Amino acid sequence: MILFTFGAIFIALFICIKPLAEYFWDARKLQRFPNQNCLSGITNFGYIIERCRGFRSRNLHEIHKVHPVVRVGPDTLSFSTPEAIRAIYGHSTKCVKGDMYSASAGPHASILDAVDKDEHAQKRRGLSHAFATRNIETWEFKVVDKVQRLVGQFDRICDEAAVSTNAVTATVDYSWWVNLFTIEAIVDIALSYRLGCIERGNDLVLALTPSGQKKAGQEFDDMVQYLARERIHRHHNGEELDDLVRHLLKDKDGNERNLTIGEVNAEVAVFLDAGSDTTAIALSHVMYYLLRTPSALARLQKEVTGAIGVDEMVPSYDRVKGLSYLRACLDESMRLSPPVSFGVHRKTTPEGASIDGNWIPGNTTIAVPAYSAHRNPIAFPEPEKYRPERWLESSGKDMQTSFIPFSTGARGCIGRNISYIEQSVLLATLVNRTIDFGSGEAQVHSAAG
């Protein structure tokens, strides 16, 4: 018993003392950078505390206003400058994806979490044709269909309110409904499958589990596995479906890729996860900023109605993709409230790297949070102001180097064009309708950060 107690005390002391010893020994020479909080240089619990507090990206940005480099973990640094963006994420960077991607990949790495650069490049080449703008625009009808269904639900809610209460207005949870919209859209684009979430008004999906029982697919993995199996089954039955999975199963010459079910599951999970939540967040935020900025909303409505007319229920993407102020409204919203506000982790190679004039030792985790990069006052004057006009001015192209809502470089989001189609068509549809968006207080919160 005494030996057991002594051993437990020794282990506890070791766990507490080792991080402190490493911090003061400072073999990695990271003490030169300010800590985000008192624990950041000693333990990753400091990062966990910031996550639990909420608004971690905003709190980190307050420090970045003074310090371009901040230590957020024992071996993790956060940067905020355009030079750091190029060094960490640029096409010529030697930095690699961090340990978090290896941990999340499971037995089959996807295009998102493949750490090895050659493996990632191979996966990206295999899907580059599928995500090309010209190819994605052939799936526009799937987006238009979902927009029509969503607007139909909004009309139904208004009609029911008018009949039951003689109300002249109706309240809808816009964020909830656009979540259903983006889920439906990406599932159809990726798998040629209709979930029926918009019609039901909920995201409950019945999935046939491997055991053969149908149950509510509360777990995301259940839905992914079910949809992937269904899609492969249709493929084996000879159905020629035009969607993202077709490009997984066959190359551009029509040859079978012979992927395992695990490999298909991994990619489908990325399609559905990255292709729904982030776009829904962006759509919620742009509506928030337009409601808070009536002059921007009025200018956008003028541009949209002038281009497509008030009688067109849902415009085609071809009709709205050239509307410069519409795109500016979307980009300005993603600048102020990027769907992924925290830094996308990379890791320096063993020999180390020079990042924005600082020599960073090898195997150090580094990142640039979009929330801070998008508030650089040099790149974005009046950074806290929602001003879509900035993207139409001569400095608009210069701002692109600091604009990273989809990350950037060789590892940038391959699906950004899908997101822009969904955002453009839905937002143009809504502002083109005879709608009084109201003047009530609007609030927005980012769960990511």
Protein backbone atom coordinates (compact mmCIF):
# COMPACT_ATOMS: atom_id res chain seq x y z
CA MET A 1 0.00 0.00 0.00
CA ILE A 2 2.85 2.37 0.89
CA LEU A 3 4.63 1.57 -2.37
CA PHE A 4 1.43 2.17 -4.32
CA THR A 5 0.90 5.55 -2.62
CA PHE A 6 4.53 6.52 -3.21
CA GLY A 7 4.23 5.53 -6.85
CA ALA A 8 1.04 7.56 -7.30
CA ILE A 9 2.65 10.61 -5.70
CA PHE A 10 5.73 10.22 -7.91
CA ILE A 11 3.61 10.02 -11.07
CA ALA A 12 1.55 13.05 -10.02
CA LEU A 13 4.69 15.07 -9.32
CA PHE A 14 6.21 13.98 -12.62
CA ILE A 15 3.09 15.05 -14.52
CA CYS A 16 3.15 18.47 -12.81
CA ILE A 17 6.88 19.13 -12.72
CA LYS A 18 7.89 17.92 -16.19
CA PRO A 19 5.94 20.62 -18.11
CA LEU A 20 7.26 23.30 -15.76
CA ALA A 21 10.82 22.08 -16.19
CA GLU A 22 10.46 22.05 -19.96
CA TYR A 23 8.97 25.53 -19.91
CA PHE A 24 11.82 27.08 -17.93
CA TRP A 25 14.48 25.05 -19.72
CA ASP A 26 13.02 26.41 -22.97
CA ALA A 27 14.91 24.11 -25.30
CA ARG A 28 12.69 25.23 -28.19
CA LYS A 29 13.33 28.93 -27.49
CA LEU A 30 9.64 29.80 -27.52
CA GLN A 31 9.61 31.92 -24.35
CA ARG A 32 10.42 34.92 -26.52
CA PHE A 33 6.77 34.92 -27.63
CA PRO A 34 3.96 36.12 -25.32
CA ASN A 35 1.56 33.50 -23.95
CA GLN A 36 -2.16 33.62 -24.65
CA ASN A 37 -2.78 32.87 -20.97
CA CYS A 38 -0.74 31.83 -17.94
CA LEU A 39 -0.93 28.12 -18.86
CA SER A 40 -0.27 28.34 -22.59
CA GLY A 41 3.48 27.81 -22.41
CA ILE A 42 3.21 24.94 -19.93
CA THR A 43 0.28 22.78 -20.97
CA ASN A 44 -2.36 22.42 -23.67
CA PHE A 45 -4.97 22.86 -20.93
CA GLY A 46 -4.54 26.57 -21.59
CA TYR A 47 -5.96 26.04 -25.08
CA ILE A 48 -8.81 23.92 -23.70
CA ILE A 49 -9.69 26.68 -21.23
CA GLU A 50 -9.91 29.22 -24.05
CA ARG A 51 -12.14 26.85 -26.01
CA CYS A 52 -14.48 26.44 -23.05
CA ARG A 53 -14.66 30.18 -22.41
CA GLY A 54 -15.98 30.76 -25.92
CA PHE A 55 -14.95 33.44 -28.41
CA ARG A 56 -11.39 32.07 -28.37
CA SER A 57 -10.56 33.62 -31.76
CA ARG A 58 -11.80 37.04 -30.67
CA ASN A 59 -9.86 36.84 -27.42
CA LEU A 60 -6.72 35.73 -29.26
CA HIS A 61 -7.13 38.61 -31.69
CA GLU A 62 -7.02 41.12 -28.84
CA ILE A 63 -3.49 39.87 -28.12
CA HIS A 64 -2.62 39.79 -31.83
CA LYS A 65 -3.42 43.51 -32.03
CA VAL A 66 -0.17 44.02 -30.13
CA HIS A 67 1.81 40.85 -30.86
CA PRO A 68 2.03 39.29 -34.35
CA VAL A 69 3.12 35.97 -32.79
CA VAL A 70 1.42 34.43 -29.74
CA ARG A 71 2.19 31.18 -27.95
CA VAL A 72 -1.07 29.26 -27.55
CA GLY A 73 0.43 25.94 -26.42
CA PRO A 74 3.77 24.48 -25.27
CA ASP A 75 4.75 23.83 -28.90
CA THR A 76 2.06 25.83 -30.72
CA LEU A 77 2.29 29.37 -32.12
CA SER A 78 -0.34 31.63 -33.65
CA PHE A 79 0.61 34.21 -36.31
CA SER A 80 -1.44 37.04 -37.79
CA THR A 81 0.44 38.65 -40.71
CA PRO A 82 0.09 38.24 -44.50
CA GLU A 83 3.74 37.17 -44.62
CA ALA A 84 2.96 34.33 -42.21
CA ILE A 85 0.04 33.22 -44.39
CA ARG A 86 2.36 32.82 -47.37
CA ALA A 87 5.07 31.08 -45.36
CA ILE A 88 2.71 28.62 -43.65
CA TYR A 89 0.09 27.89 -46.31
CA GLY A 90 1.61 29.07 -49.60
CA HIS A 91 2.27 26.74 -52.53
CA SER A 92 6.01 26.74 -51.83
CA THR A 93 5.77 26.03 -48.09
CA LYS A 94 7.57 23.07 -46.58
CA CYS A 95 5.21 23.00 -43.61
CA VAL A 96 3.03 19.91 -43.28
CA LYS A 97 -0.33 19.19 -41.71
CA GLY A 98 -0.18 18.81 -37.95
CA ASP A 99 -0.70 15.88 -35.61
CA MET A 100 -4.41 16.62 -35.16
CA TYR A 101 -5.02 15.45 -38.73
CA SER A 102 -3.26 12.14 -38.17
CA ALA A 103 -5.35 11.61 -35.04
CA SER A 104 -8.64 12.36 -36.82
CA ALA A 105 -7.96 10.42 -40.01
CA GLY A 106 -8.73 6.94 -38.71
CA PRO A 107 -7.72 3.95 -40.85
CA HIS A 108 -8.38 5.82 -44.12
CA ALA A 109 -7.08 9.33 -44.76
CA SER A 110 -9.26 11.67 -46.81
CA ILE A 111 -8.34 14.65 -48.95
CA LEU A 112 -8.80 16.77 -45.81
CA ASP A 113 -6.62 14.90 -43.33
CA ALA A 114 -3.97 13.24 -45.54
CA VAL A 115 -0.73 14.42 -43.93
CA ASP A 116 1.66 13.10 -46.57
CA LYS A 117 1.98 15.69 -49.34
CA ASP A 118 2.27 13.14 -52.14
CA GLU A 119 -0.80 11.27 -50.91
CA HIS A 120 -2.76 14.52 -50.69
CA ALA A 121 -1.63 15.62 -54.15
CA GLN A 122 -2.76 12.29 -55.60
CA LYS A 123 -6.19 12.59 -53.96
CA ARG A 124 -6.58 16.19 -55.09
CA ARG A 125 -5.62 15.39 -58.68
CA GLY A 126 -8.21 12.63 -58.70
CA LEU A 127 -10.96 15.07 -57.67
CA SER A 128 -9.79 18.26 -59.39
CA HIS A 129 -11.98 17.64 -62.45
CA ALA A 130 -15.03 17.06 -60.25
CA PHE A 131 -14.56 20.35 -58.42
CA ALA A 132 -13.73 22.43 -61.50
CA THR A 133 -16.12 25.37 -61.88
CA ARG A 134 -17.37 24.22 -65.27
CA ASN A 135 -18.25 20.79 -63.90
CA ILE A 136 -19.82 22.07 -60.68
CA GLU A 137 -22.09 24.41 -62.60
CA THR A 138 -23.70 21.37 -64.25
CA TRP A 139 -25.04 20.51 -60.78
CA GLU A 140 -26.59 23.94 -60.36
CA PHE A 141 -30.08 22.48 -60.86
CA LYS A 142 -29.65 20.55 -57.60
CA VAL A 143 -29.00 23.81 -55.74
CA VAL A 144 -31.92 25.56 -57.45
CA ASP A 145 -34.22 22.68 -56.47
CA LYS A 146 -33.25 23.02 -52.80
CA VAL A 147 -33.67 26.80 -52.88
CA GLN A 148 -37.16 26.37 -54.33
CA ARG A 149 -38.06 23.92 -51.57
CA LEU A 150 -36.67 26.21 -48.87
CA VAL A 151 -38.53 29.26 -50.17
CA GLY A 152 -41.65 27.11 -50.37
CA GLN A 153 -41.32 26.36 -46.66
CA PHE A 154 -40.89 30.05 -45.86
CA ASP A 155 -44.05 30.80 -47.86
CA ARG A 156 -45.93 28.03 -46.02
CA ILE A 157 -44.90 29.41 -42.62
CA CYS A 158 -46.07 32.90 -43.61
CA ASP A 159 -49.37 31.61 -45.00
CA GLU A 160 -50.10 29.57 -41.87
CA ALA A 161 -49.34 32.56 -39.65
CA ALA A 162 -51.69 34.73 -41.69
CA VAL A 163 -54.53 32.19 -41.48
CA SER A 164 -54.20 31.25 -37.82
CA THR A 165 -53.41 34.61 -36.24
CA ASN A 166 -54.06 37.19 -38.98
CA ALA A 167 -50.43 38.15 -38.47
CA VAL A 168 -48.73 40.27 -41.09
CA THR A 169 -45.34 38.83 -40.16
CA ALA A 170 -43.97 35.40 -39.33
CA THR A 171 -40.81 34.39 -37.52
CA VAL A 172 -38.48 31.74 -38.89
CA ASP A 173 -35.25 30.36 -37.46
CA TYR A 174 -33.18 31.29 -40.48
CA SER A 175 -29.98 29.61 -39.28
CA TRP A 176 -31.83 26.33 -38.72
CA TRP A 177 -33.44 26.35 -42.14
CA VAL A 178 -30.25 27.19 -44.03
CA ASN A 179 -28.56 24.32 -42.20
CA LEU A 180 -31.21 22.01 -43.62
CA PHE A 181 -30.73 23.62 -47.03
CA THR A 182 -26.96 23.09 -47.14
CA ILE A 183 -27.24 19.51 -45.86
CA GLU A 184 -29.79 18.69 -48.56
CA ALA A 185 -27.77 20.42 -51.26
CA ILE A 186 -24.44 18.73 -50.55
CA VAL A 187 -25.99 15.27 -50.14
CA ASP A 188 -27.61 15.62 -53.56
CA ILE A 189 -24.46 17.05 -55.16
CA ALA A 190 -22.24 14.38 -53.62
CA LEU A 191 -24.49 11.31 -53.68
CA SER A 192 -27.61 12.02 -55.78
CA TYR A 193 -29.73 11.38 -52.70
CA ARG A 194 -32.67 13.30 -51.25
CA LEU A 195 -32.89 13.33 -47.48
CA GLY A 196 -36.18 15.23 -47.23
CA CYS A 197 -34.92 17.44 -44.40
CA ILE A 198 -36.39 20.63 -45.86
CA GLU A 199 -39.82 19.07 -46.34
CA ARG A 200 -39.86 17.66 -42.80
CA GLY A 201 -38.27 20.70 -41.21
CA ASN A 202 -35.77 18.59 -39.26
CA ASP A 203 -32.45 16.82 -39.79
CA LEU A 204 -33.53 13.41 -38.49
CA VAL A 205 -32.32 10.78 -40.95
CA LEU A 206 -33.29 7.12 -40.88
CA ALA A 207 -30.20 5.04 -41.57
CA LEU A 208 -30.04 1.31 -42.24
CA THR A 209 -27.27 0.13 -39.93
CA PRO A 210 -24.91 -2.76 -40.77
CA SER A 211 -27.03 -4.96 -38.48
CA GLY A 212 -29.97 -4.43 -40.83
CA GLN A 213 -32.06 -2.30 -38.48
CA LYS A 214 -33.37 1.13 -39.31
CA LYS A 215 -32.80 3.75 -36.65
CA ALA A 216 -32.59 7.49 -36.33
CA GLY A 217 -29.13 8.37 -37.59
CA GLN A 218 -28.11 10.44 -34.62
CA GLU A 219 -24.47 9.65 -35.25
CA PHE A 220 -22.94 11.33 -38.27
CA ASP A 221 -20.94 8.19 -39.08
CA ASP A 222 -24.16 6.17 -39.31
CA MET A 223 -25.51 8.49 -41.98
CA VAL A 224 -22.23 8.58 -43.91
CA GLN A 225 -21.89 4.80 -43.98
CA TYR A 226 -25.52 4.33 -44.96
CA LEU A 227 -25.43 6.88 -47.77
CA ALA A 228 -22.08 5.63 -49.07
CA ARG A 229 -23.31 2.02 -49.16
CA GLU A 230 -26.52 3.05 -50.92
CA ARG A 231 -24.57 5.05 -53.52
CA ILE A 232 -22.11 2.21 -54.20
CA HIS A 233 -25.02 -0.23 -54.48
CA ARG A 234 -26.63 1.97 -57.13
CA HIS A 235 -23.30 2.18 -58.95
CA HIS A 236 -22.91 -1.60 -59.00
CA ASN A 237 -26.48 -1.89 -60.30
CA GLY A 238 -25.50 0.13 -63.34
CA GLU A 239 -27.02 3.53 -62.47
CA GLU A 240 -25.08 6.31 -64.16
CA LEU A 241 -25.36 9.17 -61.68
CA ASP A 242 -23.69 12.54 -62.11
CA ASP A 243 -22.32 13.52 -58.71
CA LEU A 244 -19.11 13.82 -56.72
CA VAL A 245 -18.99 10.15 -55.80
CA ARG A 246 -18.96 9.22 -59.48
CA HIS A 247 -15.56 10.91 -59.67
CA LEU A 248 -14.44 8.90 -56.65
CA LEU A 249 -15.49 5.60 -58.18
CA LYS A 250 -14.25 6.32 -61.72
CA ASP A 251 -11.45 8.45 -63.13
CA LYS A 252 -12.05 11.06 -65.83
CA ASP A 253 -11.54 8.39 -68.52
CA GLY A 254 -14.26 6.21 -67.01
CA ASN A 255 -11.95 3.61 -65.48
CA GLU A 256 -12.88 2.10 -62.11
CA ARG A 257 -10.72 3.32 -59.22
CA ASN A 258 -11.51 0.25 -57.10
CA LEU A 259 -11.60 2.15 -53.80
CA THR A 260 -12.51 0.27 -50.64
CA ILE A 261 -15.71 1.12 -48.78
CA GLY A 262 -13.55 2.66 -46.05
CA GLU A 263 -11.87 5.00 -48.52
CA VAL A 264 -15.23 6.05 -49.96
CA ASN A 265 -16.63 6.61 -46.46
CA ALA A 266 -13.68 8.86 -45.57
CA GLU A 267 -14.17 11.12 -48.59
CA VAL A 268 -17.97 11.19 -48.29
CA ALA A 269 -17.63 12.25 -44.65
CA VAL A 270 -15.51 15.22 -45.74
CA PHE A 271 -17.94 16.15 -48.52
CA LEU A 272 -20.91 16.20 -46.15
CA ASP A 273 -19.24 17.76 -43.12
CA ALA A 274 -17.15 20.46 -44.78
CA GLY A 275 -19.80 21.05 -47.43
CA SER A 276 -22.73 21.78 -45.13
CA ASP A 277 -21.90 23.48 -41.83
CA THR A 278 -19.44 26.05 -43.17
CA THR A 279 -21.76 27.23 -45.94
CA ALA A 280 -24.71 27.38 -43.55
CA ILE A 281 -22.66 29.52 -41.15
CA ALA A 282 -21.66 31.84 -44.00
CA LEU A 283 -25.29 32.22 -45.12
CA SER A 284 -26.42 33.03 -41.59
CA HIS A 285 -23.69 35.60 -41.12
CA VAL A 286 -24.25 37.45 -44.40
CA MET A 287 -27.95 37.84 -43.58
CA TYR A 288 -27.00 39.16 -40.14
CA TYR A 289 -24.65 41.78 -41.56
CA LEU A 290 -27.11 42.87 -44.23
CA LEU A 291 -29.84 43.34 -41.62
CA ARG A 292 -27.43 45.42 -39.55
CA THR A 293 -26.38 47.46 -42.61
CA PRO A 294 -29.55 48.66 -44.42
CA SER A 295 -27.57 50.64 -46.99
CA ALA A 296 -25.74 47.50 -48.10
CA LEU A 297 -28.99 45.53 -48.26
CA ALA A 298 -30.65 48.24 -50.35
CA ARG A 299 -27.73 48.35 -52.79
CA LEU A 300 -27.71 44.56 -53.06
CA GLN A 301 -31.46 44.43 -53.73
CA LYS A 302 -31.07 47.05 -56.44
CA GLU A 303 -28.30 45.05 -58.13
CA VAL A 304 -30.16 41.74 -57.92
CA THR A 305 -33.57 43.00 -59.07
CA GLY A 306 -31.93 44.89 -61.91
CA ALA A 307 -30.27 41.71 -63.12
CA ILE A 308 -32.96 39.06 -62.74
CA GLY A 309 -36.32 40.80 -62.31
CA VAL A 310 -38.82 40.53 -59.48
CA ASP A 311 -40.87 37.75 -61.08
CA GLU A 312 -38.09 35.16 -61.26
CA MET A 313 -38.47 32.94 -58.19
CA VAL A 314 -35.01 31.32 -58.21
CA PRO A 315 -32.36 32.70 -60.57
CA SER A 316 -29.80 30.48 -62.23
CA TYR A 317 -26.20 30.78 -61.09
CA ASP A 318 -25.31 32.03 -64.55
CA ARG A 319 -27.58 35.02 -63.91
CA VAL A 320 -26.01 35.96 -60.57
CA LYS A 321 -22.37 34.86 -60.70
CA GLY A 322 -21.34 38.12 -62.35
CA LEU A 323 -23.04 40.36 -59.77
CA SER A 324 -20.05 42.07 -58.21
CA TYR A 325 -21.81 43.55 -55.20
CA LEU A 326 -23.44 40.22 -54.36
CA ARG A 327 -20.00 38.58 -54.29
CA ALA A 328 -18.64 41.51 -52.29
CA CYS A 329 -21.38 41.06 -49.66
CA LEU A 330 -20.53 37.37 -49.34
CA ASP A 331 -16.78 37.98 -49.09
CA GLU A 332 -17.15 40.83 -46.62
CA SER A 333 -19.30 38.63 -44.38
CA MET A 334 -16.77 35.78 -44.51
CA ARG A 335 -14.04 38.30 -43.74
CA LEU A 336 -15.68 39.51 -40.55
CA SER A 337 -17.09 36.13 -39.49
CA PRO A 338 -15.15 33.36 -41.22
CA PRO A 339 -16.96 30.01 -40.90
CA VAL A 340 -13.70 28.54 -39.57
CA SER A 341 -12.32 31.37 -37.46
CA PHE A 342 -9.47 29.59 -35.71
CA GLY A 343 -6.11 28.74 -37.26
CA VAL A 344 -5.74 25.71 -39.53
CA HIS A 345 -2.78 23.87 -38.04
CA ARG A 346 0.47 23.15 -39.83
CA LYS A 347 3.76 21.84 -38.46
CA THR A 348 7.31 22.86 -39.27
CA THR A 349 9.58 20.19 -40.69
CA PRO A 350 12.36 18.82 -38.41
CA GLU A 351 14.90 21.33 -39.74
CA GLY A 352 12.69 24.28 -38.74
CA ALA A 353 11.46 27.23 -40.80
CA SER A 354 11.58 31.01 -41.04
CA ILE A 355 8.09 32.45 -40.51
CA ASP A 356 7.65 36.20 -40.92
CA GLY A 357 11.23 36.92 -39.85
CA ASN A 358 11.16 34.51 -36.90
CA TRP A 359 13.14 31.26 -36.85
CA ILE A 360 10.77 28.56 -35.65
CA PRO A 361 12.24 25.22 -34.51
CA GLY A 362 11.25 21.94 -36.09
CA ASN A 363 8.06 20.07 -35.19
CA THR A 364 6.36 23.24 -33.94
CA THR A 365 2.64 23.58 -34.61
CA ILE A 366 1.84 26.89 -36.30
CA ALA A 367 -1.31 28.56 -37.62
CA VAL A 368 -2.86 31.83 -38.76
CA PRO A 369 -6.42 32.32 -37.45
CA ALA A 370 -8.63 33.74 -40.19
CA TYR A 371 -10.37 35.92 -37.60
CA SER A 372 -7.14 37.86 -36.98
CA ALA A 373 -5.83 37.77 -40.55
CA HIS A 374 -9.08 39.34 -41.74
CA ARG A 375 -8.74 42.18 -39.25
CA ASN A 376 -5.29 43.34 -40.25
CA PRO A 377 -5.80 47.12 -40.49
CA ILE A 378 -3.14 47.44 -43.19
CA ALA A 379 -4.89 44.97 -45.48
CA PHE A 380 -8.41 45.93 -44.36
CA PRO A 381 -8.83 49.57 -43.24
CA GLU A 382 -11.67 49.96 -40.73
CA PRO A 383 -11.49 46.20 -40.13
CA GLU A 384 -14.54 45.97 -37.85
CA LYS A 385 -16.85 47.69 -40.31
CA TYR A 386 -19.05 45.72 -42.72
CA ARG A 387 -18.25 47.50 -45.96
CA PRO A 388 -18.69 45.33 -49.07
CA GLU A 389 -17.55 48.24 -51.24
CA ARG A 390 -13.95 47.59 -50.21
CA TRP A 391 -13.89 44.53 -52.51
CA LEU A 392 -14.85 46.66 -55.52
CA GLU A 393 -12.12 49.23 -54.98
CA SER A 394 -8.62 49.15 -56.43
CA SER A 395 -7.27 47.45 -53.30
CA GLY A 396 -9.68 44.51 -53.67
CA LYS A 397 -7.15 42.24 -55.38
CA ASP A 398 -4.48 43.11 -52.81
CA MET A 399 -6.81 42.03 -49.99
CA GLN A 400 -7.07 38.53 -51.44
CA THR A 401 -3.62 37.63 -50.08
CA SER A 402 -4.96 38.10 -46.53
CA PHE A 403 -8.39 36.58 -47.21
CA ILE A 404 -8.42 32.94 -46.09
CA PRO A 405 -11.97 31.74 -45.27
CA PHE A 406 -11.24 28.63 -47.36
CA SER A 407 -7.57 28.51 -46.32
CA THR A 408 -5.15 28.90 -49.24
CA GLY A 409 -2.38 27.24 -51.19
CA ALA A 410 -2.18 23.61 -52.26
CA ARG A 411 -4.25 22.58 -49.23
CA GLY A 412 -6.97 25.19 -49.68
CA CYS A 413 -10.60 24.06 -49.71
CA ILE A 414 -11.29 22.24 -52.97
CA GLY A 415 -15.04 22.78 -52.58
CA ARG A 416 -15.11 26.57 -52.37
CA ASN A 417 -16.88 26.89 -55.73
CA ILE A 418 -19.79 24.77 -54.49
CA SER A 419 -20.13 27.05 -51.48
CA TYR A 420 -20.19 30.18 -53.64
CA ILE A 421 -22.91 28.72 -55.89
CA GLU A 422 -25.12 27.84 -52.93
CA GLN A 423 -24.56 31.19 -51.22
CA SER A 424 -25.06 33.25 -54.37
CA VAL A 425 -28.25 31.57 -55.57
CA LEU A 426 -29.95 31.52 -52.17
CA LEU A 427 -29.04 35.06 -51.14
CA ALA A 428 -30.03 36.48 -54.54
CA THR A 429 -33.35 34.63 -54.33
CA LEU A 430 -34.18 36.01 -50.89
CA VAL A 431 -33.26 39.64 -51.52
CA ASN A 432 -35.09 39.55 -54.87
CA ARG A 433 -38.39 38.74 -53.21
CA THR A 434 -40.74 41.39 -51.86
CA ILE A 435 -39.70 40.92 -48.28
CA ASP A 436 -39.52 43.31 -45.36
CA PHE A 437 -36.51 41.98 -43.49
CA GLY A 438 -37.49 43.95 -40.40
CA SER A 439 -35.42 46.15 -38.15
CA GLY A 440 -35.19 44.09 -34.98
CA GLU A 441 -32.03 43.44 -33.06
CA ALA A 442 -29.98 40.66 -34.61
CA GLN A 443 -27.26 38.70 -32.90
CA VAL A 444 -24.76 36.22 -34.27
CA HIS A 445 -22.55 33.75 -32.46
CA SER A 446 -19.81 31.56 -33.88
CA ALA A 447 -19.72 28.14 -32.25
CA ALA A 448 -16.33 27.51 -33.80
CA GLY A 449 -14.84 30.34 -32.12
